[in-house]
């Protein structure tokens, strides 16, 4: 996998400004090098599950918007999903339920 490229699993609809899950679950796989990961997302009360390096994300790597590895997407806004103590190379996996809309990723 190439760093800073994302890979989609499942059925997604590609709009000019976002991607939206069409299948019951859609997955985004994103190799990255950073400390923090944010996404701009929207949806009608949908959840996303976050895995880091193929495992449930540890509490000390969880962003402010995660609880038990899950973020509740209820409005169009920026969500902090990863907040690690150090910069590093990781593989982020986002499992999104149907109707979830992902606009962009930002890194810190």
PDB file of N, CA and C in Angstrom:
ATOM      1  N   UNK A   1       0.839  -1.187   0.000  1.00  0.00           N
ATOM      2  CA  UNK A   1       0.000   0.000   0.000  1.00  0.00           C
ATOM      3  C   UNK A   1       0.880   1.243   0.000  1.00  0.00           C
ATOM      4  N   UNK A   2       0.457   2.226  -0.756  1.00  0.00           N
ATOM      5  CA  UNK A   2       1.193   3.486  -0.817  1.00  0.00           C
ATOM      6  C   UNK A   2       0.742   4.405   0.319  1.00  0.00           C
ATOM      7  N   UNK A   3       1.713   5.044   0.942  1.00  0.00           N
ATOM      8  CA  UNK A   3       1.411   5.993   2.009  1.00  0.00           C
ATOM      9  C   UNK A   3       0.650   7.185   1.430  1.00  0.00           C
ATOM     10  N   UNK A   4      -0.286   7.682   2.181  1.00  0.00           N
ATOM     11  CA  UNK A   4      -1.086   8.855   1.832  1.00  0.00           C
ATOM     12  C   UNK A   4      -1.990   8.635   0.622  1.00  0.00           C
ATOM     13  N   UNK A   5      -2.295   7.382   0.298  1.00  0.00           N
ATOM     14  CA  UNK A   5      -3.328   7.016  -0.665  1.00  0.00           C
ATOM     15  C   UNK A   5      -4.371   6.223   0.120  1.00  0.00           C
ATOM     16  N   UNK A   6      -5.623   6.365  -0.220  1.00  0.00           N
ATOM     17  CA  UNK A   6      -6.629   5.585   0.495  1.00  0.00           C
ATOM     18  C   UNK A   6      -7.230   4.534  -0.425  1.00  0.00           C
ATOM     19  N   UNK A   7      -7.741   3.485   0.196  1.00  0.00           N
ATOM     20  CA  UNK A   7      -8.301   2.344  -0.518  1.00  0.00           C
ATOM     21  C   UNK A   7      -9.706   2.087   0.008  1.00  0.00           C
ATOM     22  N   UNK A   8     -10.643   1.838  -0.898  1.00  0.00           N
ATOM     23  CA  UNK A   8     -12.038   1.632  -0.528  1.00  0.00           C
ATOM     24  C   UNK A   8     -12.424   0.170  -0.669  1.00  0.00           C
ATOM     25  N   UNK A   9     -13.205  -0.322   0.280  1.00  0.00           N
ATOM     26  CA  UNK A   9     -13.769  -1.668   0.239  1.00  0.00           C
ATOM     27  C   UNK A   9     -15.279  -1.507   0.401  1.00  0.00           C
ATOM     28  N   UNK A  10     -16.057  -2.238  -0.367  1.00  0.00           N
ATOM     29  CA  UNK A  10     -17.507  -2.103  -0.329  1.00  0.00           C
ATOM     30  C   UNK A  10     -17.968  -1.150  -1.413  1.00  0.00           C
ATOM     31  N   UNK A  11     -19.238  -0.835  -1.384  1.00  0.00           N
ATOM     32  CA  UNK A  11     -19.810   0.055  -2.393  1.00  0.00           C
ATOM     33  C   UNK A  11     -19.867   1.481  -1.862  1.00  0.00           C
ATOM     34  N   UNK A  12     -19.259   2.382  -2.615  1.00  0.00           N
ATOM     35  CA  UNK A  12     -19.224   3.797  -2.283  1.00  0.00           C
ATOM     36  C   UNK A  12     -19.713   4.594  -3.486  1.00  0.00           C
ATOM     37  N   UNK A  13     -20.383   5.692  -3.233  1.00  0.00           N
ATOM     38  CA  UNK A  13     -20.751   6.621  -4.298  1.00  0.00           C
ATOM     39  C   UNK A  13     -19.806   7.808  -4.199  1.00  0.00           C
ATOM     40  N   UNK A  14     -19.178   8.143  -5.326  1.00  0.00           N
ATOM     41  CA  UNK A  14     -18.209   9.232  -5.351  1.00  0.00           C
ATOM     42  C   UNK A  14     -18.881  10.500  -5.875  1.00  0.00           C
ATOM     43  N   UNK A  15     -19.056  11.478  -4.992  1.00  0.00           N
ATOM     44  CA  UNK A  15     -19.558  12.794  -5.368  1.00  0.00           C
ATOM     45  C   UNK A  15     -18.354  13.702  -5.607  1.00  0.00           C
ATOM     46  N   UNK A  16     -18.570  14.888  -6.110  1.00  0.00           N
ATOM     47  CA  UNK A  16     -17.444  15.791  -6.377  1.00  0.00           C
ATOM     48  C   UNK A  16     -16.752  16.248  -5.095  1.00  0.00           C
ATOM     49  N   UNK A  17     -17.464  16.262  -3.972  1.00  0.00           N
ATOM     50  CA  UNK A  17     -16.889  16.769  -2.727  1.00  0.00           C
ATOM     51  C   UNK A  17     -16.829  15.746  -1.594  1.00  0.00           C
ATOM     52  N   UNK A  18     -17.314  14.516  -1.844  1.00  0.00           N
ATOM     53  CA  UNK A  18     -17.354  13.530  -0.764  1.00  0.00           C
ATOM     54  C   UNK A  18     -17.559  12.126  -1.335  1.00  0.00           C
ATOM     55  N   UNK A  19     -17.402  11.148  -0.438  1.00  0.00           N
ATOM     56  CA  UNK A  19     -17.735   9.758  -0.742  1.00  0.00           C
ATOM     57  C   UNK A  19     -18.806   9.339   0.259  1.00  0.00           C
ATOM     58  N   UNK A  20     -19.738   8.514  -0.190  1.00  0.00           N
ATOM     59  CA  UNK A  20     -20.809   8.061   0.696  1.00  0.00           C
ATOM     60  C   UNK A  20     -20.963   6.554   0.577  1.00  0.00           C
ATOM     61  N   UNK A  21     -21.099   5.895   1.730  1.00  0.00           N
ATOM     62  CA  UNK A  21     -21.296   4.448   1.708  1.00  0.00           C
ATOM     63  C   UNK A  21     -22.671   4.132   1.135  1.00  0.00           C
ATOM     64  N   UNK A  22     -22.686   3.146   0.242  1.00  0.00           N
ATOM     65  CA  UNK A  22     -23.927   2.676  -0.357  1.00  0.00           C
ATOM     66  C   UNK A  22     -24.276   1.308   0.219  1.00  0.00           C
ATOM     67  N   UNK A  23     -23.261   0.472   0.418  1.00  0.00           N
ATOM     68  CA  UNK A  23     -23.475  -0.847   1.012  1.00  0.00           C
ATOM     69  C   UNK A  23     -23.677  -0.694   2.517  1.00  0.00           C
ATOM     70  N   UNK A  24     -24.109  -1.775   3.172  1.00  0.00           N
ATOM     71  CA  UNK A  24     -24.358  -1.726   4.615  1.00  0.00           C
ATOM     72  C   UNK A  24     -23.125  -1.232   5.366  1.00  0.00           C
ATOM     73  N   UNK A  25     -21.967  -1.769   5.034  1.00  0.00           N
ATOM     74  CA  UNK A  25     -20.700  -1.304   5.598  1.00  0.00           C
ATOM     75  C   UNK A  25     -19.744  -0.999   4.459  1.00  0.00           C
ATOM     76  N   UNK A  26     -19.010   0.067   4.599  1.00  0.00           N
ATOM     77  CA  UNK A  26     -17.941   0.400   3.671  1.00  0.00           C
ATOM     78  C   UNK A  26     -16.685   0.630   4.479  1.00  0.00           C
ATOM     79  N   UNK A  27     -15.551   0.311   3.912  1.00  0.00           N
ATOM     80  CA  UNK A  27     -14.285   0.437   4.630  1.00  0.00           C
ATOM     81  C   UNK A  27     -13.332   1.326   3.850  1.00  0.00           C
ATOM     82  N   UNK A  28     -12.625   2.178   4.582  1.00  0.00           N
ATOM     83  CA  UNK A  28     -11.542   2.983   4.024  1.00  0.00           C
ATOM     84  C   UNK A  28     -10.267   2.534   4.713  1.00  0.00           C
ATOM     85  N   UNK A  29      -9.246   2.230   3.931  1.00  0.00           N
ATOM     86  CA  UNK A  29      -7.935   1.862   4.470  1.00  0.00           C
ATOM     87  C   UNK A  29      -6.962   2.948   4.040  1.00  0.00           C
ATOM     88  N   UNK A  30      -6.261   3.536   5.017  1.00  0.00           N
ATOM     89  CA  UNK A  30      -5.405   4.687   4.745  1.00  0.00           C
ATOM     90  C   UNK A  30      -4.066   4.558   5.462  1.00  0.00           C
ATOM     91  N   UNK A  31      -2.982   4.243   4.747  1.00  0.00           N
ATOM     92  CA  UNK A  31      -1.651   4.306   5.351  1.00  0.00           C
ATOM     93  C   UNK A  31      -1.252   5.786   5.496  1.00  0.00           C
ATOM     94  N   UNK A  32      -0.677   6.146   6.639  1.00  0.00           N
ATOM     95  CA  UNK A  32      -0.304   7.549   6.847  1.00  0.00           C
ATOM     96  C   UNK A  32       0.894   7.646   7.785  1.00  0.00           C
ATOM     97  N   UNK A  33       1.511   8.828   7.808  1.00  0.00           N
ATOM     98  CA  UNK A  33       2.592   9.149   8.735  1.00  0.00           C
ATOM     99  C   UNK A  33       2.217  10.466   9.400  1.00  0.00           C
ATOM    100  N   UNK A  34       1.802  10.410  10.653  1.00  0.00           N
ATOM    101  CA  UNK A  34       1.361  11.600  11.382  1.00  0.00           C
ATOM    102  C   UNK A  34       1.135  11.229  12.839  1.00  0.00           C
ATOM    103  N   UNK A  35       0.755  12.224  13.607  1.00  0.00           N
ATOM    104  CA  UNK A  35       0.404  12.034  15.013  1.00  0.00           C
ATOM    105  C   UNK A  35      -1.120  12.015  15.190  1.00  0.00           C
ATOM    106  N   UNK A  36      -1.776  12.928  14.494  1.00  0.00           N
ATOM    107  CA  UNK A  36      -3.226  13.091  14.619  1.00  0.00           C
ATOM    108  C   UNK A  36      -3.904  12.897  13.270  1.00  0.00           C
ATOM    109  N   UNK A  37      -5.113  12.361  13.302  1.00  0.00           N
ATOM    110  CA  UNK A  37      -5.932  12.228  12.095  1.00  0.00           C
ATOM    111  C   UNK A  37      -7.319  12.786  12.399  1.00  0.00           C
ATOM    112  N   UNK A  38      -7.792  13.625  11.486  1.00  0.00           N
ATOM    113  CA  UNK A  38      -9.134  14.199  11.565  1.00  0.00           C
ATOM    114  C   UNK A  38      -9.852  13.885  10.261  1.00  0.00           C
ATOM    115  N   UNK A  39     -11.159  13.782  10.316  1.00  0.00           N
ATOM    116  CA  UNK A  39     -11.954  13.670   9.098  1.00  0.00           C
ATOM    117  C   UNK A  39     -13.095  14.675   9.172  1.00  0.00           C
ATOM    118  N   UNK A  40     -13.487  15.170   8.025  1.00  0.00           N
ATOM    119  CA  UNK A  40     -14.735  15.912   7.932  1.00  0.00           C
ATOM    120  C   UNK A  40     -15.753  14.899   7.436  1.00  0.00           C
ATOM    121  N   UNK A  41     -16.807  14.717   8.222  1.00  0.00           N
ATOM    122  CA  UNK A  41     -17.804  13.695   7.911  1.00  0.00           C
ATOM    123  C   UNK A  41     -19.201  14.220   8.217  1.00  0.00           C
ATOM    124  N   UNK A  42     -20.184  13.523   7.662  1.00  0.00           N
ATOM    125  CA  UNK A  42     -21.586  13.848   7.916  1.00  0.00           C
ATOM    126  C   UNK A  42     -22.387  12.557   7.797  1.00  0.00           C
ATOM    127  N   UNK A  43     -23.603  12.612   8.270  1.00  0.00           N
ATOM    128  CA  UNK A  43     -24.486  11.450   8.179  1.00  0.00           C
ATOM    129  C   UNK A  43     -25.657  11.623   9.117  1.00  0.00           C
ATOM    130  N   UNK A  44     -26.627  10.782   8.946  1.00  0.00           N
ATOM    131  CA  UNK A  44     -27.814  10.819   9.798  1.00  0.00           C
ATOM    132  C   UNK A  44     -27.662   9.793  10.908  1.00  0.00           C
ATOM    133  N   UNK A  45     -26.999  10.199  11.953  1.00  0.00           N
ATOM    134  CA  UNK A  45     -26.826   9.350  13.130  1.00  0.00           C
ATOM    135  C   UNK A  45     -26.255   7.981  12.766  1.00  0.00           C
ATOM    136  N   UNK A  46     -25.066   8.006  12.213  1.00  0.00           N
ATOM    137  CA  UNK A  46     -24.363   6.792  11.837  1.00  0.00           C
ATOM    138  C   UNK A  46     -23.067   6.701  12.634  1.00  0.00           C
ATOM    139  N   UNK A  47     -22.530   5.527  12.749  1.00  0.00           N
ATOM    140  CA  UNK A  47     -21.286   5.326  13.487  1.00  0.00           C
ATOM    141  C   UNK A  47     -20.174   4.903  12.545  1.00  0.00           C
ATOM    142  N   UNK A  48     -18.948   5.234  12.930  1.00  0.00           N
ATOM    143  CA  UNK A  48     -17.773   4.696  12.261  1.00  0.00           C
ATOM    144  C   UNK A  48     -16.912   4.017  13.319  1.00  0.00           C
ATOM    145  N   UNK A  49     -16.349   2.903  12.951  1.00  0.00           N
ATOM    146  CA  UNK A  49     -15.442   2.173  13.840  1.00  0.00           C
ATOM    147  C   UNK A  49     -14.026   2.390  13.325  1.00  0.00           C
ATOM    148  N   UNK A  50     -13.082   2.606  14.241  1.00  0.00           N
ATOM    149  CA  UNK A  50     -11.701   2.900  13.883  1.00  0.00           C
ATOM    150  C   UNK A  50     -10.784   1.777  14.349  1.00  0.00           C
ATOM    151  N   UNK A  51      -9.969   1.284  13.424  1.00  0.00           N
ATOM    152  CA  UNK A  51      -8.901   0.332  13.733  1.00  0.00           C
ATOM    153  C   UNK A  51      -7.577   0.998  13.403  1.00  0.00           C
ATOM    154  N   UNK A  52      -6.564   0.707  14.184  1.00  0.00           N
ATOM    155  CA  UNK A  52      -5.229   1.238  13.928  1.00  0.00           C
ATOM    156  C   UNK A  52      -4.276   0.064  13.808  1.00  0.00           C
ATOM    157  N   UNK A  53      -3.616  -0.029  12.673  1.00  0.00           N
ATOM    158  CA  UNK A  53      -2.694  -1.132  12.383  1.00  0.00           C
ATOM    159  C   UNK A  53      -3.377  -2.495  12.508  1.00  0.00           C
ATOM    160  N   UNK A  54      -4.636  -2.556  12.080  1.00  0.00           N
ATOM    161  CA  UNK A  54      -5.372  -3.813  12.040  1.00  0.00           C
ATOM    162  C   UNK A  54      -5.978  -4.267  13.354  1.00  0.00           C
ATOM    163  N   UNK A  55      -5.855  -3.444  14.402  1.00  0.00           N
ATOM    164  CA  UNK A  55      -6.384  -3.816  15.724  1.00  0.00           C
ATOM    165  C   UNK A  55      -7.284  -2.708  16.250  1.00  0.00           C
ATOM    166  N   UNK A  56      -8.080  -3.041  17.245  1.00  0.00           N
ATOM    167  CA  UNK A  56      -8.885  -2.014  17.909  1.00  0.00           C
ATOM    168  C   UNK A  56      -7.951  -0.907  18.388  1.00  0.00           C
ATOM    169  N   UNK A  57      -8.336   0.332  18.169  1.00  0.00           N
ATOM    170  CA  UNK A  57      -7.478   1.454  18.544  1.00  0.00           C
ATOM    171  C   UNK A  57      -7.357   1.529  20.066  1.00  0.00           C
ATOM    172  N   UNK A  58      -6.146   1.727  20.544  1.00  0.00           N
ATOM    173  CA  UNK A  58      -5.891   1.843  21.983  1.00  0.00           C
ATOM    174  C   UNK A  58      -6.435   3.175  22.499  1.00  0.00           C
ATOM    175  N   UNK A  59      -6.779   3.205  23.755  1.00  0.00           N
ATOM    176  CA  UNK A  59      -7.314   4.418  24.371  1.00  0.00           C
ATOM    177  C   UNK A  59      -6.340   5.579  24.214  1.00  0.00           C
ATOM    178  N   UNK A  60      -5.033   5.326  24.381  1.00  0.00           N
ATOM    179  CA  UNK A  60      -4.057   6.417  24.308  1.00  0.00           C
ATOM    180  C   UNK A  60      -3.824   6.915  22.879  1.00  0.00           C
ATOM    181  N   UNK A  61      -4.365   6.242  21.863  1.00  0.00           N
ATOM    182  CA  UNK A  61      -4.291   6.710  20.476  1.00  0.00           C
ATOM    183  C   UNK A  61      -5.630   7.257  19.984  1.00  0.00           C
ATOM    184  N   UNK A  62      -6.658   7.133  20.799  1.00  0.00           N
ATOM    185  CA  UNK A  62      -8.004   7.549  20.387  1.00  0.00           C
ATOM    186  C   UNK A  62      -8.134   9.060  20.357  1.00  0.00           C
ATOM    187  N   UNK A  63      -8.789   9.551  19.309  1.00  0.00           N
ATOM    188  CA  UNK A  63      -9.071  10.973  19.208  1.00  0.00           C
ATOM    189  C   UNK A  63     -10.197  11.380  20.144  1.00  0.00           C
ATOM    190  N   UNK A  64     -10.396  12.679  20.248  1.00  0.00           N
ATOM    191  CA  UNK A  64     -11.403  13.220  21.165  1.00  0.00           C
ATOM    192  C   UNK A  64     -12.823  12.772  20.832  1.00  0.00           C
ATOM    193  N   UNK A  65     -13.075  12.435  19.569  1.00  0.00           N
ATOM    194  CA  UNK A  65     -14.426  12.052  19.166  1.00  0.00           C
ATOM    195  C   UNK A  65     -14.674  10.549  19.186  1.00  0.00           C
ATOM    196  N   UNK A  66     -13.721   9.778  19.720  1.00  0.00           N
ATOM    197  CA  UNK A  66     -13.896   8.325  19.798  1.00  0.00           C
ATOM    198  C   UNK A  66     -14.260   7.892  21.204  1.00  0.00           C
ATOM    199  N   UNK A  67     -15.151   6.929  21.280  1.00  0.00           N
ATOM    200  CA  UNK A  67     -15.469   6.269  22.541  1.00  0.00           C
ATOM    201  C   UNK A  67     -15.498   4.780  22.235  1.00  0.00           C
ATOM    202  N   UNK A  68     -14.621   4.031  22.874  1.00  0.00           N
ATOM    203  CA  UNK A  68     -14.500   2.589  22.628  1.00  0.00           C
ATOM    204  C   UNK A  68     -14.268   2.279  21.149  1.00  0.00           C
ATOM    205  N   UNK A  69     -13.462   3.118  20.499  1.00  0.00           N
ATOM    206  CA  UNK A  69     -13.106   2.893  19.100  1.00  0.00           C
ATOM    207  C   UNK A  69     -14.164   3.288  18.089  1.00  0.00           C
ATOM    208  N   UNK A  70     -15.213   3.957  18.545  1.00  0.00           N
ATOM    209  CA  UNK A  70     -16.322   4.334  17.669  1.00  0.00           C
ATOM    210  C   UNK A  70     -16.599   5.830  17.776  1.00  0.00           C
ATOM    211  N   UNK A  71     -16.859   6.454  16.627  1.00  0.00           N
ATOM    212  CA  UNK A  71     -17.291   7.856  16.596  1.00  0.00           C
ATOM    213  C   UNK A  71     -18.726   7.891  16.093  1.00  0.00           C
ATOM    214  N   UNK A  72     -19.550   8.659  16.752  1.00  0.00           N
ATOM    215  CA  UNK A  72     -20.949   8.817  16.351  1.00  0.00           C
ATOM    216  C   UNK A  72     -21.034  10.039  15.437  1.00  0.00           C
ATOM    217  N   UNK A  73     -21.367   9.819  14.185  1.00  0.00           N
ATOM    218  CA  UNK A  73     -21.454  10.900  13.201  1.00  0.00           C
ATOM    219  C   UNK A  73     -22.900  11.387  13.175  1.00  0.00           C
ATOM    220  N   UNK A  74     -23.109  12.594  13.691  1.00  0.00           N
ATOM    221  CA  UNK A  74     -24.476  13.104  13.795  1.00  0.00           C
ATOM    222  C   UNK A  74     -24.663  14.450  13.110  1.00  0.00           C
ATOM    223  N   UNK A  75     -23.558  15.072  12.712  1.00  0.00           N
ATOM    224  CA  UNK A  75     -23.650  16.357  12.028  1.00  0.00           C
ATOM    225  C   UNK A  75     -22.422  16.537  11.142  1.00  0.00           C
ATOM    226  N   UNK A  76     -22.519  17.462  10.214  1.00  0.00           N
ATOM    227  CA  UNK A  76     -21.425  17.752   9.289  1.00  0.00           C
ATOM    228  C   UNK A  76     -20.388  18.602  10.033  1.00  0.00           C
ATOM    229  N   UNK A  77     -19.226  17.973  10.343  1.00  0.00           N
ATOM    230  CA  UNK A  77     -18.185  18.701  11.069  1.00  0.00           C
ATOM    231  C   UNK A  77     -16.872  17.932  11.029  1.00  0.00           C
ATOM    232  N   UNK A  78     -15.846  18.508  11.629  1.00  0.00           N
ATOM    233  CA  UNK A  78     -14.536  17.880  11.769  1.00  0.00           C
ATOM    234  C   UNK A  78     -14.558  16.953  12.982  1.00  0.00           C
ATOM    235  N   UNK A  79     -14.113  15.711  12.790  1.00  0.00           N
ATOM    236  CA  UNK A  79     -14.040  14.720  13.866  1.00  0.00           C
ATOM    237  C   UNK A  79     -12.582  14.333  14.079  1.00  0.00           C
ATOM    238  N   UNK A  80     -12.121  14.380  15.334  1.00  0.00           N
ATOM    239  CA  UNK A  80     -10.767  13.945  15.694  1.00  0.00           C
ATOM    240  C   UNK A  80     -10.839  12.459  16.020  1.00  0.00           C
ATOM    241  N   UNK A  81     -10.224  11.619  15.154  1.00  0.00           N
ATOM    242  CA  UNK A  81     -10.355  10.174  15.333  1.00  0.00           C
ATOM    243  C   UNK A  81      -9.087   9.502  15.845  1.00  0.00           C
ATOM    244  N   UNK A  82      -7.921  10.102  15.590  1.00  0.00           N
ATOM    245  CA  UNK A  82      -6.663   9.554  16.111  1.00  0.00           C
ATOM    246  C   UNK A  82      -5.881  10.693  16.735  1.00  0.00           C
ATOM    247  N   UNK A  83      -5.350  10.462  17.927  1.00  0.00           N
ATOM    248  CA  UNK A  83      -4.507  11.438  18.608  1.00  0.00           C
ATOM    249  C   UNK A  83      -3.432  10.670  19.373  1.00  0.00           C
ATOM    250  N   UNK A  84      -2.360  10.345  18.670  1.00  0.00           N
ATOM    251  CA  UNK A  84      -1.264   9.565  19.256  1.00  0.00           C
ATOM    252  C   UNK A  84      -0.288  10.478  19.980  1.00  0.00           C
ATOM    253  N   UNK A  85       0.529   9.894  20.826  1.00  0.00           N
ATOM    254  CA  UNK A  85       1.521  10.671  21.559  1.00  0.00           C
ATOM    255  C   UNK A  85       2.709  11.049  20.683  1.00  0.00           C
ATOM    256  N   UNK A  86       3.016  10.216  19.675  1.00  0.00           N
ATOM    257  CA  UNK A  86       4.169  10.467  18.811  1.00  0.00           C
ATOM    258  C   UNK A  86       3.783  10.309  17.350  1.00  0.00           C
ATOM    259  N   UNK A  87       4.534  10.986  16.497  1.00  0.00           N
ATOM    260  CA  UNK A  87       4.381  10.834  15.054  1.00  0.00           C
ATOM    261  C   UNK A  87       4.838   9.435  14.667  1.00  0.00           C
ATOM    262  N   UNK A  88       4.130   8.802  13.743  1.00  0.00           N
ATOM    263  CA  UNK A  88       4.531   7.475  13.298  1.00  0.00           C
ATOM    264  C   UNK A  88       3.789   7.039  12.056  1.00  0.00           C
ATOM    265  N   UNK A  89       4.257   5.950  11.462  1.00  0.00           N
ATOM    266  CA  UNK A  89       3.597   5.336  10.305  1.00  0.00           C
ATOM    267  C   UNK A  89       2.565   4.334  10.803  1.00  0.00           C
ATOM    268  N   UNK A  90       1.363   4.450  10.300  1.00  0.00           N
ATOM    269  CA  UNK A  90       0.277   3.568  10.715  1.00  0.00           C
ATOM    270  C   UNK A  90      -0.638   3.274   9.535  1.00  0.00           C
ATOM    271  N   UNK A  91      -1.490   2.283   9.725  1.00  0.00           N
ATOM    272  CA  UNK A  91      -2.556   2.007   8.767  1.00  0.00           C
ATOM    273  C   UNK A  91      -3.877   2.203   9.495  1.00  0.00           C
ATOM    274  N   UNK A  92      -4.621   3.191   9.042  1.00  0.00           N
ATOM    275  CA  UNK A  92      -5.922   3.523   9.608  1.00  0.00           C
ATOM    276  C   UNK A  92      -7.005   2.784   8.825  1.00  0.00           C
ATOM    277  N   UNK A  93      -7.911   2.148   9.539  1.00  0.00           N
ATOM    278  CA  UNK A  93      -9.072   1.514   8.918  1.00  0.00           C
ATOM    279  C   UNK A  93     -10.324   2.148   9.506  1.00  0.00           C
ATOM    280  N   UNK A  94     -11.173   2.652   8.622  1.00  0.00           N
ATOM    281  CA  UNK A  94     -12.451   3.236   9.024  1.00  0.00           C
ATOM    282  C   UNK A  94     -13.553   2.339   8.474  1.00  0.00           C
ATOM    283  N   UNK A  95     -14.383   1.816   9.350  1.00  0.00           N
ATOM    284  CA  UNK A  95     -15.536   1.014   8.939  1.00  0.00           C
ATOM    285  C   UNK A  95     -16.765   1.893   9.142  1.00  0.00           C
ATOM    286  N   UNK A  96     -17.405   2.245   8.033  1.00  0.00           N
ATOM    287  CA  UNK A  96     -18.519   3.192   8.062  1.00  0.00           C
ATOM    288  C   UNK A  96     -19.813   2.495   7.679  1.00  0.00           C
ATOM    289  N   UNK A  97     -20.884   2.829   8.377  1.00  0.00           N
ATOM    290  CA  UNK A  97     -22.197   2.267   8.061  1.00  0.00           C
ATOM    291  C   UNK A  97     -22.836   3.019   6.894  1.00  0.00           C
ATOM    292  N   UNK A  98     -23.831   2.418   6.314  1.00  0.00           N
ATOM    293  CA  UNK A  98     -24.515   2.972   5.154  1.00  0.00           C
ATOM    294  C   UNK A  98     -24.971   4.404   5.411  1.00  0.00           C
ATOM    295  N   UNK A  99     -24.742   5.273   4.433  1.00  0.00           N
ATOM    296  CA  UNK A  99     -25.154   6.666   4.532  1.00  0.00           C
ATOM    297  C   UNK A  99     -24.100   7.594   5.095  1.00  0.00           C
ATOM    298  N   UNK A 100     -23.003   7.055   5.588  1.00  0.00           N
ATOM    299  CA  UNK A 100     -21.930   7.898   6.122  1.00  0.00           C
ATOM    300  C   UNK A 100     -21.246   8.625   4.965  1.00  0.00           C
ATOM    301  N   UNK A 101     -20.983   9.902   5.159  1.00  0.00           N
ATOM    302  CA  UNK A 101     -20.345  10.726   4.137  1.00  0.00           C
ATOM    303  C   UNK A 101     -18.992  11.201   4.649  1.00  0.00           C
ATOM    304  N   UNK A 102     -17.945  10.930   3.888  1.00  0.00           N
ATOM    305  CA  UNK A 102     -16.589  11.354   4.235  1.00  0.00           C
ATOM    306  C   UNK A 102     -16.157  12.405   3.220  1.00  0.00           C
ATOM    307  N   UNK A 103     -15.779  13.589   3.710  1.00  0.00           N
ATOM    308  CA  UNK A 103     -15.390  14.695   2.836  1.00  0.00           C
ATOM    309  C   UNK A 103     -13.878  14.800   2.668  1.00  0.00           C
ATOM    310  N   UNK A 104     -13.135  14.735   3.753  1.00  0.00           N
ATOM    311  CA  UNK A 104     -11.687  14.907   3.652  1.00  0.00           C
ATOM    312  C   UNK A 104     -10.998  14.380   4.904  1.00  0.00           C
ATOM    313  N   UNK A 105      -9.688  14.166   4.782  1.00  0.00           N
ATOM    314  CA  UNK A 105      -8.819  13.788   5.897  1.00  0.00           C
ATOM    315  C   UNK A 105      -7.837  14.926   6.128  1.00  0.00           C
ATOM    316  N   UNK A 106      -7.515  15.200   7.382  1.00  0.00           N
ATOM    317  CA  UNK A 106      -6.421  16.122   7.696  1.00  0.00           C
ATOM    318  C   UNK A 106      -5.532  15.454   8.737  1.00  0.00           C
ATOM    319  N   UNK A 107      -4.268  15.859   8.750  1.00  0.00           N
ATOM    320  CA  UNK A 107      -3.269  15.224   9.610  1.00  0.00           C
ATOM    321  C   UNK A 107      -2.505  16.277  10.391  1.00  0.00           C
ATOM    322  N   UNK A 108      -2.073  15.899  11.590  1.00  0.00           N
ATOM    323  CA  UNK A 108      -1.286  16.808  12.405  1.00  0.00           C
ATOM    324  C   UNK A 108      -0.127  16.102  13.033  1.00  0.00           C
TER     325      UNK A 108
END
